[in-house]
Amino acid sequence: MYRLVTKYKLLGLRNEHDSAHDHNHMVLRPIPQVPEAFDTEQAAFDWALSNQEELRHHPEFVVLPVHHMVLTWRPEDEPAI
């Protein structure tokens, strides 16, 4: 049996210069000190509010849902023998 699990990722939004095309654009970048994933969107925002020093280079950020399809096993899923 599969189930859908949603985790949340906090990414920094940075303005970067593209020298090949001579223009700036916004880019989502991982922030090194941020945990890999959060169980809720609110947990990601709470972490950001509590860890402003880690986000000093990323004054703008987004919280994105990341969906995972997970194989689960439960004893009641087994056929009776």
N, C-alpha and C. Protein backbone atom coordinates (compact mmCIF):
# COMPACT_ATOMS: atom_id res chain seq x y z
N MET A 1 0.84 -1.17 0.00
CA MET A 1 0.00 0.00 0.00
C MET A 1 0.90 1.24 0.00
N TYR A 2 0.50 2.22 -0.77
CA TYR A 2 1.24 3.48 -0.82
C TYR A 2 0.43 4.57 -0.15
N ARG A 3 1.13 5.53 0.36
CA ARG A 3 0.45 6.73 0.89
C ARG A 3 1.28 7.94 0.51
N LEU A 4 0.64 9.07 0.44
CA LEU A 4 1.31 10.31 0.07
C LEU A 4 1.71 11.05 1.35
N VAL A 5 2.98 11.37 1.46
CA VAL A 5 3.50 12.11 2.61
C VAL A 5 3.96 13.46 2.10
N THR A 6 3.56 14.51 2.78
CA THR A 6 3.99 15.85 2.40
C THR A 6 4.92 16.40 3.47
N LYS A 7 6.09 16.78 3.05
CA LYS A 7 7.05 17.48 3.90
C LYS A 7 7.22 18.87 3.32
N TYR A 8 7.86 19.75 4.05
CA TYR A 8 8.04 21.13 3.60
C TYR A 8 9.51 21.48 3.64
N LYS A 9 9.94 22.21 2.62
CA LYS A 9 11.34 22.60 2.48
C LYS A 9 11.42 24.12 2.46
N LEU A 10 12.38 24.66 3.18
CA LEU A 10 12.59 26.10 3.23
C LEU A 10 13.78 26.43 2.33
N LEU A 11 13.56 27.25 1.32
CA LEU A 11 14.61 27.62 0.37
C LEU A 11 14.77 29.13 0.33
N GLY A 12 16.00 29.59 0.18
CA GLY A 12 16.27 31.01 0.06
C GLY A 12 16.04 31.50 -1.35
N LEU A 13 15.54 32.70 -1.48
CA LEU A 13 15.30 33.33 -2.78
C LEU A 13 16.36 34.41 -2.95
N ARG A 14 17.21 34.23 -3.95
CA ARG A 14 18.34 35.14 -4.16
C ARG A 14 18.26 35.78 -5.54
N ASN A 15 18.69 37.02 -5.63
CA ASN A 15 18.79 37.72 -6.90
C ASN A 15 20.21 37.49 -7.42
N GLU A 16 20.33 36.78 -8.55
CA GLU A 16 21.65 36.46 -9.10
C GLU A 16 21.78 37.04 -10.50
N HIS A 17 23.02 37.35 -10.85
CA HIS A 17 23.32 37.93 -12.15
C HIS A 17 23.77 36.84 -13.11
N ASP A 18 23.16 36.83 -14.29
CA ASP A 18 23.54 35.88 -15.35
C ASP A 18 24.41 36.65 -16.34
N SER A 19 25.73 36.44 -16.26
CA SER A 19 26.65 37.21 -17.12
C SER A 19 26.52 36.81 -18.59
N ALA A 20 26.10 35.58 -18.87
CA ALA A 20 25.98 35.15 -20.26
C ALA A 20 24.87 35.92 -20.98
N HIS A 21 23.81 36.24 -20.27
CA HIS A 21 22.69 36.96 -20.88
C HIS A 21 22.55 38.39 -20.34
N ASP A 22 23.46 38.77 -19.45
CA ASP A 22 23.51 40.12 -18.89
C ASP A 22 22.18 40.57 -18.30
N HIS A 23 21.63 39.75 -17.42
CA HIS A 23 20.43 40.15 -16.69
C HIS A 23 20.39 39.45 -15.33
N ASN A 24 19.57 39.98 -14.45
CA ASN A 24 19.39 39.41 -13.11
C ASN A 24 18.12 38.57 -13.09
N HIS A 25 18.12 37.56 -12.26
CA HIS A 25 16.92 36.75 -12.07
C HIS A 25 16.92 36.17 -10.66
N MET A 26 15.73 35.84 -10.18
CA MET A 26 15.58 35.28 -8.85
C MET A 26 15.78 33.76 -8.93
N VAL A 27 16.53 33.22 -7.96
CA VAL A 27 16.87 31.80 -7.94
C VAL A 27 16.58 31.24 -6.55
N LEU A 28 16.00 30.04 -6.49
CA LEU A 28 15.81 29.35 -5.22
C LEU A 28 17.07 28.57 -4.91
N ARG A 29 17.61 28.75 -3.71
CA ARG A 29 18.84 28.07 -3.31
C ARG A 29 18.64 27.43 -1.93
N PRO A 30 19.22 26.25 -1.74
CA PRO A 30 19.19 25.65 -0.39
C PRO A 30 19.96 26.53 0.58
N ILE A 31 19.53 26.56 1.81
CA ILE A 31 20.21 27.31 2.86
C ILE A 31 20.93 26.28 3.72
N PRO A 32 22.26 26.39 3.86
CA PRO A 32 23.04 25.33 4.51
C PRO A 32 22.58 24.93 5.91
N GLN A 33 22.18 25.85 6.76
CA GLN A 33 21.88 25.52 8.15
C GLN A 33 20.46 25.01 8.36
N VAL A 34 19.64 25.05 7.34
CA VAL A 34 18.23 24.68 7.49
C VAL A 34 18.09 23.16 7.50
N PRO A 35 17.24 22.61 8.37
CA PRO A 35 16.99 21.16 8.33
C PRO A 35 16.49 20.73 6.95
N GLU A 36 16.69 19.47 6.63
CA GLU A 36 16.34 18.95 5.31
C GLU A 36 14.86 19.09 5.00
N ALA A 37 14.00 18.81 5.98
CA ALA A 37 12.56 18.89 5.74
C ALA A 37 11.84 19.14 7.05
N PHE A 38 10.65 19.71 6.93
CA PHE A 38 9.79 19.99 8.08
C PHE A 38 8.49 19.22 7.91
N ASP A 39 7.88 18.82 9.02
CA ASP A 39 6.63 18.07 8.96
C ASP A 39 5.43 18.93 8.60
N THR A 40 5.48 20.20 8.96
CA THR A 40 4.37 21.11 8.64
C THR A 40 4.92 22.42 8.09
N GLU A 41 4.08 23.12 7.37
CA GLU A 41 4.46 24.44 6.86
C GLU A 41 4.73 25.40 8.01
N GLN A 42 3.91 25.30 9.05
CA GLN A 42 4.08 26.18 10.21
C GLN A 42 5.42 25.92 10.90
N ALA A 43 5.86 24.67 10.94
CA ALA A 43 7.15 24.34 11.56
C ALA A 43 8.30 25.02 10.80
N ALA A 44 8.19 25.09 9.48
CA ALA A 44 9.22 25.77 8.68
C ALA A 44 9.24 27.26 8.98
N PHE A 45 8.06 27.87 9.07
CA PHE A 45 8.00 29.30 9.39
C PHE A 45 8.50 29.56 10.80
N ASP A 46 8.15 28.70 11.74
CA ASP A 46 8.62 28.86 13.12
C ASP A 46 10.13 28.77 13.18
N TRP A 47 10.72 27.83 12.43
CA TRP A 47 12.17 27.70 12.41
C TRP A 47 12.79 28.99 11.87
N ALA A 48 12.22 29.53 10.80
CA ALA A 48 12.76 30.75 10.20
C ALA A 48 12.69 31.92 11.18
N LEU A 49 11.60 32.03 11.91
CA LEU A 49 11.47 33.11 12.89
C LEU A 49 12.44 32.95 14.05
N SER A 50 12.75 31.71 14.43
CA SER A 50 13.65 31.47 15.56
C SER A 50 15.12 31.50 15.17
N ASN A 51 15.43 31.42 13.89
CA ASN A 51 16.82 31.32 13.43
C ASN A 51 17.14 32.39 12.41
N GLN A 52 16.87 33.61 12.75
CA GLN A 52 17.07 34.71 11.81
C GLN A 52 18.54 34.91 11.46
N GLU A 53 19.43 34.56 12.35
CA GLU A 53 20.86 34.72 12.06
C GLU A 53 21.29 33.82 10.90
N GLU A 54 20.74 32.58 10.85
CA GLU A 54 21.07 31.66 9.76
C GLU A 54 20.51 32.15 8.42
N LEU A 55 19.46 32.96 8.47
CA LEU A 55 18.82 33.45 7.25
C LEU A 55 19.30 34.84 6.84
N ARG A 56 20.34 35.34 7.46
CA ARG A 56 20.78 36.72 7.19
C ARG A 56 21.16 36.94 5.73
N HIS A 57 21.65 35.90 5.05
CA HIS A 57 22.01 36.03 3.63
C HIS A 57 20.83 35.72 2.71
N HIS A 58 19.72 35.34 3.31
CA HIS A 58 18.52 35.01 2.54
C HIS A 58 17.32 35.74 3.16
N PRO A 59 17.26 37.05 3.00
CA PRO A 59 16.15 37.79 3.61
C PRO A 59 14.79 37.41 3.03
N GLU A 60 14.80 36.85 1.82
CA GLU A 60 13.57 36.36 1.22
C GLU A 60 13.67 34.85 1.10
N PHE A 61 12.61 34.17 1.46
CA PHE A 61 12.61 32.71 1.37
C PHE A 61 11.20 32.23 1.04
N VAL A 62 11.12 30.99 0.63
CA VAL A 62 9.83 30.36 0.36
C VAL A 62 9.80 29.01 1.06
N VAL A 63 8.61 28.59 1.40
CA VAL A 63 8.39 27.26 1.96
C VAL A 63 7.60 26.48 0.92
N LEU A 64 8.20 25.40 0.41
CA LEU A 64 7.57 24.62 -0.65
C LEU A 64 7.16 23.25 -0.12
N PRO A 65 5.97 22.80 -0.52
CA PRO A 65 5.61 21.42 -0.17
C PRO A 65 6.36 20.45 -1.06
N VAL A 66 6.84 19.38 -0.47
CA VAL A 66 7.53 18.33 -1.20
C VAL A 66 6.74 17.05 -0.93
N HIS A 67 6.23 16.45 -1.99
CA HIS A 67 5.39 15.27 -1.84
C HIS A 67 6.23 14.01 -2.07
N HIS A 68 6.03 13.03 -1.23
CA HIS A 68 6.74 11.76 -1.33
C HIS A 68 5.71 10.63 -1.38
N MET A 69 5.88 9.73 -2.28
CA MET A 69 5.05 8.54 -2.29
C MET A 69 5.80 7.49 -1.48
N VAL A 70 5.19 6.99 -0.44
CA VAL A 70 5.86 6.09 0.50
C VAL A 70 5.16 4.74 0.53
N LEU A 71 5.93 3.70 0.43
CA LEU A 71 5.40 2.35 0.55
C LEU A 71 5.27 2.05 2.04
N THR A 72 4.06 1.67 2.45
CA THR A 72 3.84 1.37 3.87
C THR A 72 3.37 -0.07 4.00
N TRP A 73 3.69 -0.65 5.10
CA TRP A 73 3.22 -2.00 5.38
C TRP A 73 2.56 -1.99 6.74
N ARG A 74 1.37 -2.57 6.76
CA ARG A 74 0.65 -2.73 8.01
C ARG A 74 0.25 -4.20 8.11
N PRO A 75 0.26 -4.79 9.27
CA PRO A 75 -0.12 -6.20 9.41
C PRO A 75 -1.50 -6.50 8.83
N GLU A 76 -2.44 -5.57 8.94
CA GLU A 76 -3.79 -5.82 8.42
C GLU A 76 -3.83 -5.83 6.90
N ASP A 77 -2.77 -5.38 6.22
CA ASP A 77 -2.71 -5.42 4.76
C ASP A 77 -2.33 -6.81 4.24
N GLU A 78 -1.79 -7.67 5.10
CA GLU A 78 -1.38 -9.01 4.69
C GLU A 78 -2.60 -9.89 4.47
N PRO A 79 -2.60 -10.67 3.40
CA PRO A 79 -3.73 -11.61 3.20
C PRO A 79 -3.71 -12.71 4.25
N ALA A 80 -4.87 -13.14 4.65
CA ALA A 80 -4.97 -14.22 5.64
C ALA A 80 -4.52 -15.53 5.01
N ILE A 81 -3.76 -16.30 5.77
CA ILE A 81 -3.25 -17.58 5.26
C ILE A 81 -4.05 -18.73 5.84
